[in-house]
Amino acid sequence: MFRMNGLRSRSSRSGRSVSLIGEGTVLEGTFRSEADVRIEGEFQGMLQAAGEVAVGEKGIVRSTDLRARDVVIAGTLDGRVEAEGIVRITPTGRLVGTVRAATLIIEPGAVFQGQSEMGQAPQEDASLMIAML
C-alpha cells in the first residue's frame, strides 16, 4: 500500500488497483489513474480513470471534467461527468451538472439536477464479432 497525505493506492478484492482519496484529504488539480478511484475526501479539478470512480457518502467532487468507465455517486458531485458505461446515483448521492453515459441510474432518494445525454457504448465492428464466433 502506498500512502501520501491521504492518497492511497491498494488492490481491491478483484486484484485491481484502487486509488483512494481519504476522508479529511483535499486534492485539487488534474488526477489520472489506470486504476479504480474511490473518493471519501474532497477533489476539485479534472479526473480521468480507466476504471470505476466511486464517490463515497462523505465524498465531495467539484469536477471540470470527470471521465471514467463507470461512476457511482453516494456523496456529492458538482460538474461534468462522462462514463463509457454506467453512472449510478445512490439514495445518498447528489449530482448537479451534466452527465453523459451509456446508462444513467437514479435510485430512489437520489438527487439529480442538470442535463443528461444517453448513448450507446461504442460498438465493435459487426464483421469482427462474426469472425470471433
N, C-alpha and C. Protein backbone atom coordinates (compact mmCIF):
# COMPACT_ATOMS: atom_id res chain seq x y z
N MET A 1 0.85 -1.17 0.00
CA MET A 1 0.00 0.00 0.00
C MET A 1 0.89 1.23 0.00
N PHE A 2 0.51 2.22 -0.79
CA PHE A 2 1.23 3.49 -0.88
C PHE A 2 0.37 4.57 -0.26
N ARG A 3 0.96 5.41 0.56
CA ARG A 3 0.18 6.47 1.22
C ARG A 3 0.97 7.76 1.19
N MET A 4 0.29 8.84 0.78
CA MET A 4 0.91 10.15 0.78
C MET A 4 -0.15 11.19 1.07
N ASN A 5 -0.18 11.73 2.27
CA ASN A 5 -1.13 12.78 2.66
C ASN A 5 -2.56 12.42 2.31
N GLY A 6 -3.01 11.23 2.66
CA GLY A 6 -4.40 10.84 2.46
C GLY A 6 -4.68 10.16 1.14
N LEU A 7 -3.74 10.14 0.22
CA LEU A 7 -3.93 9.48 -1.06
C LEU A 7 -3.26 8.12 -0.98
N ARG A 8 -4.04 7.05 -1.15
CA ARG A 8 -3.51 5.70 -1.02
C ARG A 8 -3.77 4.91 -2.30
N SER A 9 -2.95 3.94 -2.54
CA SER A 9 -3.16 3.02 -3.64
C SER A 9 -3.11 1.62 -3.05
N ARG A 10 -4.11 0.80 -3.38
CA ARG A 10 -4.15 -0.56 -2.85
C ARG A 10 -4.85 -1.44 -3.87
N SER A 11 -4.87 -2.71 -3.62
CA SER A 11 -5.55 -3.64 -4.51
C SER A 11 -6.94 -3.95 -3.97
N SER A 12 -7.90 -4.06 -4.86
CA SER A 12 -9.25 -4.43 -4.45
C SER A 12 -9.33 -5.95 -4.34
N ARG A 13 -10.49 -6.43 -3.93
CA ARG A 13 -10.66 -7.89 -3.81
C ARG A 13 -10.48 -8.59 -5.15
N SER A 14 -10.81 -7.87 -6.24
CA SER A 14 -10.68 -8.46 -7.57
C SER A 14 -9.23 -8.46 -8.04
N GLY A 15 -8.33 -7.85 -7.25
CA GLY A 15 -6.94 -7.78 -7.64
C GLY A 15 -6.62 -6.51 -8.41
N ARG A 16 -7.63 -5.73 -8.74
CA ARG A 16 -7.45 -4.49 -9.47
C ARG A 16 -7.02 -3.40 -8.48
N SER A 17 -6.12 -2.55 -8.89
CA SER A 17 -5.62 -1.48 -8.03
C SER A 17 -6.69 -0.41 -7.81
N VAL A 18 -6.71 0.17 -6.60
CA VAL A 18 -7.67 1.22 -6.24
C VAL A 18 -6.89 2.39 -5.66
N SER A 19 -7.13 3.59 -6.19
CA SER A 19 -6.55 4.81 -5.61
C SER A 19 -7.61 5.43 -4.72
N LEU A 20 -7.22 5.78 -3.49
CA LEU A 20 -8.15 6.30 -2.51
C LEU A 20 -7.77 7.72 -2.12
N ILE A 21 -8.73 8.64 -2.22
CA ILE A 21 -8.59 9.98 -1.67
C ILE A 21 -9.37 9.93 -0.37
N GLY A 22 -8.67 9.82 0.72
CA GLY A 22 -9.27 9.54 2.01
C GLY A 22 -10.01 10.71 2.64
N GLU A 23 -10.86 10.37 3.61
CA GLU A 23 -11.61 11.37 4.37
C GLU A 23 -10.61 12.33 5.03
N GLY A 24 -10.91 13.63 4.97
CA GLY A 24 -10.03 14.64 5.53
C GLY A 24 -8.98 15.14 4.55
N THR A 25 -8.93 14.55 3.36
CA THR A 25 -7.97 14.94 2.33
C THR A 25 -8.65 15.86 1.32
N VAL A 26 -7.95 16.93 0.93
CA VAL A 26 -8.42 17.83 -0.11
C VAL A 26 -7.38 17.81 -1.22
N LEU A 27 -7.83 17.48 -2.44
CA LEU A 27 -6.93 17.38 -3.58
C LEU A 27 -7.48 18.25 -4.70
N GLU A 28 -6.63 19.11 -5.27
CA GLU A 28 -7.03 19.97 -6.38
C GLU A 28 -6.09 19.76 -7.55
N GLY A 29 -6.63 19.84 -8.78
CA GLY A 29 -5.79 19.74 -9.96
C GLY A 29 -6.26 18.68 -10.92
N THR A 30 -5.30 18.06 -11.60
CA THR A 30 -5.57 17.01 -12.58
C THR A 30 -5.11 15.68 -12.00
N PHE A 31 -6.01 14.70 -12.03
CA PHE A 31 -5.71 13.37 -11.47
C PHE A 31 -6.04 12.33 -12.53
N ARG A 32 -5.04 11.54 -12.92
CA ARG A 32 -5.23 10.47 -13.90
C ARG A 32 -4.86 9.15 -13.24
N SER A 33 -5.67 8.12 -13.52
CA SER A 33 -5.41 6.82 -12.91
C SER A 33 -5.78 5.70 -13.88
N GLU A 34 -4.94 4.70 -13.94
CA GLU A 34 -5.24 3.49 -14.71
C GLU A 34 -6.06 2.53 -13.86
N ALA A 35 -6.26 2.88 -12.60
CA ALA A 35 -6.96 2.02 -11.65
C ALA A 35 -8.36 2.57 -11.35
N ASP A 36 -9.07 1.88 -10.47
CA ASP A 36 -10.32 2.40 -9.93
C ASP A 36 -9.95 3.51 -8.94
N VAL A 37 -10.88 4.45 -8.73
CA VAL A 37 -10.66 5.56 -7.81
C VAL A 37 -11.83 5.64 -6.84
N ARG A 38 -11.52 5.77 -5.55
CA ARG A 38 -12.55 5.97 -4.52
C ARG A 38 -12.26 7.29 -3.83
N ILE A 39 -13.30 8.13 -3.72
CA ILE A 39 -13.15 9.45 -3.12
C ILE A 39 -14.01 9.53 -1.86
N GLU A 40 -13.34 9.63 -0.71
CA GLU A 40 -14.01 9.80 0.58
C GLU A 40 -13.75 11.20 1.12
N GLY A 41 -12.80 11.91 0.53
CA GLY A 41 -12.46 13.28 0.92
C GLY A 41 -13.04 14.25 -0.10
N GLU A 42 -12.24 15.27 -0.45
CA GLU A 42 -12.68 16.28 -1.42
C GLU A 42 -11.72 16.34 -2.60
N PHE A 43 -12.29 16.47 -3.79
CA PHE A 43 -11.50 16.61 -5.00
C PHE A 43 -12.09 17.72 -5.85
N GLN A 44 -11.21 18.56 -6.40
CA GLN A 44 -11.65 19.61 -7.31
C GLN A 44 -10.71 19.62 -8.50
N GLY A 45 -11.29 19.53 -9.71
CA GLY A 45 -10.47 19.58 -10.91
C GLY A 45 -10.90 18.56 -11.94
N MET A 46 -9.92 18.10 -12.73
CA MET A 46 -10.16 17.13 -13.79
C MET A 46 -9.70 15.75 -13.33
N LEU A 47 -10.55 14.74 -13.51
CA LEU A 47 -10.23 13.38 -13.11
C LEU A 47 -10.51 12.43 -14.27
N GLN A 48 -9.52 11.64 -14.63
CA GLN A 48 -9.68 10.62 -15.66
C GLN A 48 -9.23 9.28 -15.09
N ALA A 49 -10.11 8.28 -15.18
CA ALA A 49 -9.78 6.95 -14.66
C ALA A 49 -10.16 5.89 -15.68
N ALA A 50 -9.30 4.91 -15.84
CA ALA A 50 -9.59 3.81 -16.76
C ALA A 50 -10.64 2.88 -16.17
N GLY A 51 -10.77 2.88 -14.85
CA GLY A 51 -11.72 2.01 -14.16
C GLY A 51 -12.92 2.77 -13.66
N GLU A 52 -13.42 2.32 -12.51
CA GLU A 52 -14.60 2.93 -11.89
C GLU A 52 -14.18 4.06 -10.95
N VAL A 53 -14.99 5.12 -10.92
CA VAL A 53 -14.82 6.18 -9.92
C VAL A 53 -16.01 6.08 -8.98
N ALA A 54 -15.72 5.95 -7.67
CA ALA A 54 -16.78 5.88 -6.66
C ALA A 54 -16.60 7.05 -5.70
N VAL A 55 -17.68 7.84 -5.56
CA VAL A 55 -17.68 8.95 -4.62
C VAL A 55 -18.44 8.45 -3.39
N GLY A 56 -17.73 8.30 -2.27
CA GLY A 56 -18.33 7.80 -1.04
C GLY A 56 -19.32 8.78 -0.44
N GLU A 57 -20.07 8.34 0.56
CA GLU A 57 -21.12 9.16 1.18
C GLU A 57 -20.59 10.50 1.70
N LYS A 58 -19.35 10.54 2.17
CA LYS A 58 -18.78 11.78 2.68
C LYS A 58 -17.93 12.49 1.63
N GLY A 59 -17.83 11.90 0.43
CA GLY A 59 -17.01 12.47 -0.63
C GLY A 59 -17.67 13.67 -1.30
N ILE A 60 -16.83 14.63 -1.68
CA ILE A 60 -17.29 15.83 -2.39
C ILE A 60 -16.39 16.03 -3.60
N VAL A 61 -16.99 16.12 -4.78
CA VAL A 61 -16.24 16.32 -6.01
C VAL A 61 -16.80 17.53 -6.75
N ARG A 62 -15.90 18.44 -7.11
CA ARG A 62 -16.24 19.57 -7.98
C ARG A 62 -15.42 19.35 -9.24
N SER A 63 -16.10 18.89 -10.29
CA SER A 63 -15.40 18.41 -11.47
C SER A 63 -15.56 19.35 -12.66
N THR A 64 -14.44 19.74 -13.23
CA THR A 64 -14.49 20.44 -14.51
C THR A 64 -14.64 19.39 -15.62
N ASP A 65 -14.16 18.18 -15.35
CA ASP A 65 -14.26 17.10 -16.33
C ASP A 65 -13.90 15.79 -15.62
N LEU A 66 -14.88 14.91 -15.42
CA LEU A 66 -14.64 13.60 -14.83
C LEU A 66 -14.98 12.56 -15.88
N ARG A 67 -14.01 11.73 -16.24
CA ARG A 67 -14.21 10.68 -17.24
C ARG A 67 -13.73 9.35 -16.66
N ALA A 68 -14.60 8.34 -16.81
CA ALA A 68 -14.27 7.01 -16.28
C ALA A 68 -15.07 5.95 -17.01
N ARG A 69 -14.73 4.69 -16.74
CA ARG A 69 -15.50 3.58 -17.30
C ARG A 69 -16.90 3.60 -16.72
N ASP A 70 -17.01 3.64 -15.38
CA ASP A 70 -18.28 3.71 -14.66
C ASP A 70 -18.12 4.68 -13.51
N VAL A 71 -19.23 5.28 -13.05
CA VAL A 71 -19.19 6.22 -11.94
C VAL A 71 -20.34 5.89 -10.98
N VAL A 72 -20.02 5.78 -9.69
CA VAL A 72 -21.02 5.56 -8.65
C VAL A 72 -20.94 6.75 -7.70
N ILE A 73 -22.08 7.41 -7.47
CA ILE A 73 -22.12 8.61 -6.65
C ILE A 73 -22.98 8.35 -5.41
N ALA A 74 -22.34 8.28 -4.24
CA ALA A 74 -23.06 8.15 -2.98
C ALA A 74 -22.92 9.43 -2.17
N GLY A 75 -22.02 10.32 -2.60
CA GLY A 75 -21.79 11.61 -1.95
C GLY A 75 -22.28 12.73 -2.86
N THR A 76 -21.47 13.79 -2.98
CA THR A 76 -21.84 14.97 -3.76
C THR A 76 -20.89 15.16 -4.93
N LEU A 77 -21.46 15.36 -6.10
CA LEU A 77 -20.66 15.65 -7.28
C LEU A 77 -21.30 16.81 -8.02
N ASP A 78 -20.54 17.89 -8.19
CA ASP A 78 -20.97 19.05 -8.96
C ASP A 78 -20.06 19.15 -10.17
N GLY A 79 -20.65 19.19 -11.37
CA GLY A 79 -19.84 19.36 -12.56
C GLY A 79 -20.21 18.43 -13.69
N ARG A 80 -19.23 18.17 -14.53
CA ARG A 80 -19.41 17.38 -15.75
C ARG A 80 -18.88 15.98 -15.54
N VAL A 81 -19.71 14.98 -15.92
CA VAL A 81 -19.35 13.56 -15.77
C VAL A 81 -19.57 12.85 -17.10
N GLU A 82 -18.61 12.04 -17.49
CA GLU A 82 -18.75 11.23 -18.70
C GLU A 82 -18.27 9.82 -18.39
N ALA A 83 -19.14 8.83 -18.68
CA ALA A 83 -18.80 7.43 -18.43
C ALA A 83 -19.06 6.61 -19.69
N GLU A 84 -18.16 5.68 -19.96
CA GLU A 84 -18.34 4.77 -21.09
C GLU A 84 -19.51 3.84 -20.82
N GLY A 85 -19.72 3.51 -19.55
CA GLY A 85 -20.76 2.56 -19.16
C GLY A 85 -21.87 3.20 -18.36
N ILE A 86 -21.84 2.98 -17.05
CA ILE A 86 -22.94 3.36 -16.16
C ILE A 86 -22.56 4.52 -15.24
N VAL A 87 -23.49 5.45 -15.06
CA VAL A 87 -23.43 6.42 -13.97
C VAL A 87 -24.60 6.06 -13.06
N ARG A 88 -24.29 5.76 -11.79
CA ARG A 88 -25.31 5.37 -10.81
C ARG A 88 -25.28 6.38 -9.66
N ILE A 89 -26.46 6.95 -9.36
CA ILE A 89 -26.58 7.84 -8.21
C ILE A 89 -27.37 7.08 -7.15
N THR A 90 -26.74 6.82 -6.01
CA THR A 90 -27.35 6.04 -4.95
C THR A 90 -28.30 6.93 -4.13
N PRO A 91 -29.08 6.35 -3.22
CA PRO A 91 -30.04 7.14 -2.43
C PRO A 91 -29.40 8.29 -1.64
N THR A 92 -28.12 8.18 -1.28
CA THR A 92 -27.45 9.26 -0.55
C THR A 92 -26.71 10.21 -1.49
N GLY A 93 -26.75 9.93 -2.78
CA GLY A 93 -25.99 10.69 -3.75
C GLY A 93 -26.68 11.94 -4.27
N ARG A 94 -25.83 12.88 -4.70
CA ARG A 94 -26.32 14.15 -5.25
C ARG A 94 -25.42 14.53 -6.43
N LEU A 95 -26.02 14.69 -7.61
CA LEU A 95 -25.29 15.11 -8.80
C LEU A 95 -25.95 16.37 -9.35
N VAL A 96 -25.18 17.45 -9.44
CA VAL A 96 -25.64 18.69 -10.04
C VAL A 96 -24.69 18.98 -11.18
N GLY A 97 -25.20 18.93 -12.41
CA GLY A 97 -24.33 19.18 -13.55
C GLY A 97 -24.78 18.45 -14.78
N THR A 98 -23.82 18.10 -15.60
CA THR A 98 -24.06 17.46 -16.88
C THR A 98 -23.49 16.04 -16.85
N VAL A 99 -24.28 15.08 -17.31
CA VAL A 99 -23.82 13.70 -17.34
C VAL A 99 -24.03 13.14 -18.75
N ARG A 100 -23.02 12.41 -19.20
CA ARG A 100 -23.10 11.70 -20.49
C ARG A 100 -22.65 10.27 -20.22
N ALA A 101 -23.54 9.32 -20.52
CA ALA A 101 -23.24 7.92 -20.24
C ALA A 101 -24.10 7.01 -21.10
N ALA A 102 -23.68 5.77 -21.23
CA ALA A 102 -24.49 4.77 -21.92
C ALA A 102 -25.74 4.48 -21.11
N THR A 103 -25.61 4.45 -19.77
CA THR A 103 -26.73 4.16 -18.87
C THR A 103 -26.66 5.08 -17.66
N LEU A 104 -27.79 5.68 -17.30
CA LEU A 104 -27.89 6.52 -16.11
C LEU A 104 -28.92 5.89 -15.18
N ILE A 105 -28.51 5.59 -13.95
CA ILE A 105 -29.39 5.00 -12.95
C ILE A 105 -29.52 5.98 -11.79
N ILE A 106 -30.74 6.41 -11.51
CA ILE A 106 -31.01 7.31 -10.40
C ILE A 106 -31.88 6.54 -9.42
N GLU A 107 -31.29 6.13 -8.31
CA GLU A 107 -32.01 5.33 -7.33
C GLU A 107 -32.96 6.21 -6.52
N PRO A 108 -34.06 5.62 -5.97
CA PRO A 108 -35.00 6.40 -5.16
C PRO A 108 -34.27 7.12 -4.02
N GLY A 109 -34.55 8.41 -3.87
CA GLY A 109 -33.92 9.22 -2.83
C GLY A 109 -32.73 10.02 -3.34
N ALA A 110 -32.19 9.64 -4.49
CA ALA A 110 -31.05 10.35 -5.07
C ALA A 110 -31.50 11.69 -5.63
N VAL A 111 -30.55 12.62 -5.76
CA VAL A 111 -30.83 13.94 -6.32
C VAL A 111 -30.03 14.11 -7.61
N PHE A 112 -30.72 14.51 -8.67
CA PHE A 112 -30.05 14.84 -9.93
C PHE A 112 -30.65 16.12 -10.46
N GLN A 113 -29.81 17.14 -10.62
CA GLN A 113 -30.21 18.40 -11.23
C GLN A 113 -29.24 18.67 -12.36
N GLY A 114 -29.78 18.84 -13.56
CA GLY A 114 -28.90 19.13 -14.67
C GLY A 114 -29.39 18.52 -15.96
N GLN A 115 -28.44 18.23 -16.83
CA GLN A 115 -28.74 17.67 -18.14
C GLN A 115 -28.08 16.31 -18.27
N SER A 116 -28.73 15.44 -19.03
CA SER A 116 -28.14 14.14 -19.30
C SER A 116 -28.20 13.85 -20.78
N GLU A 117 -27.19 13.15 -21.25
CA GLU A 117 -27.15 12.68 -22.62
C GLU A 117 -26.85 11.20 -22.57
N MET A 118 -27.78 10.42 -23.08
CA MET A 118 -27.63 8.97 -23.05
C MET A 118 -27.22 8.49 -24.43
N GLY A 119 -26.41 7.49 -24.48
CA GLY A 119 -25.99 6.96 -25.76
C GLY A 119 -25.47 5.55 -25.62
N GLN A 120 -25.31 4.92 -26.74
CA GLN A 120 -24.76 3.57 -26.77
C GLN A 120 -23.26 3.63 -26.53
N ALA A 121 -22.76 2.64 -25.85
CA ALA A 121 -21.32 2.47 -25.73
C ALA A 121 -20.79 2.15 -27.12
N PRO A 122 -19.55 2.51 -27.43
CA PRO A 122 -19.02 2.22 -28.75
C PRO A 122 -19.18 0.74 -29.11
N GLN A 123 -19.73 0.47 -30.29
CA GLN A 123 -19.96 -0.89 -30.76
C GLN A 123 -18.76 -1.39 -31.54
N GLU A 124 -18.44 -2.65 -31.36
CA GLU A 124 -17.38 -3.26 -32.17
C GLU A 124 -17.93 -3.49 -33.57
N ASP A 125 -17.05 -3.50 -34.51
CA ASP A 125 -17.44 -3.77 -35.90
C ASP A 125 -18.12 -5.13 -35.97
N ALA A 126 -19.30 -5.20 -36.61
CA ALA A 126 -20.08 -6.44 -36.70
C ALA A 126 -19.27 -7.55 -37.37
N SER A 127 -18.45 -7.22 -38.37
CA SER A 127 -17.67 -8.25 -39.04
C SER A 127 -16.65 -8.87 -38.08
N LEU A 128 -16.11 -8.08 -37.15
CA LEU A 128 -15.19 -8.64 -36.17
C LEU A 128 -15.90 -9.58 -35.22
N MET A 129 -17.12 -9.21 -34.84
CA MET A 129 -17.88 -10.05 -33.92
C MET A 129 -18.23 -11.38 -34.59
N ILE A 130 -18.58 -11.35 -35.85
CA ILE A 130 -18.91 -12.58 -36.57
C ILE A 130 -17.66 -13.46 -36.69
N ALA A 131 -16.52 -12.80 -36.96
CA ALA A 131 -15.28 -13.55 -37.11
C ALA A 131 -14.88 -14.22 -35.79
N MET A 132 -15.23 -13.62 -34.66
CA MET A 132 -14.86 -14.17 -33.37
C MET A 132 -15.73 -15.36 -32.99
N LEU A 133 -16.91 -15.48 -33.58
CA LEU A 133 -17.80 -16.60 -33.26
C LEU A 133 -17.22 -17.83 -33.83
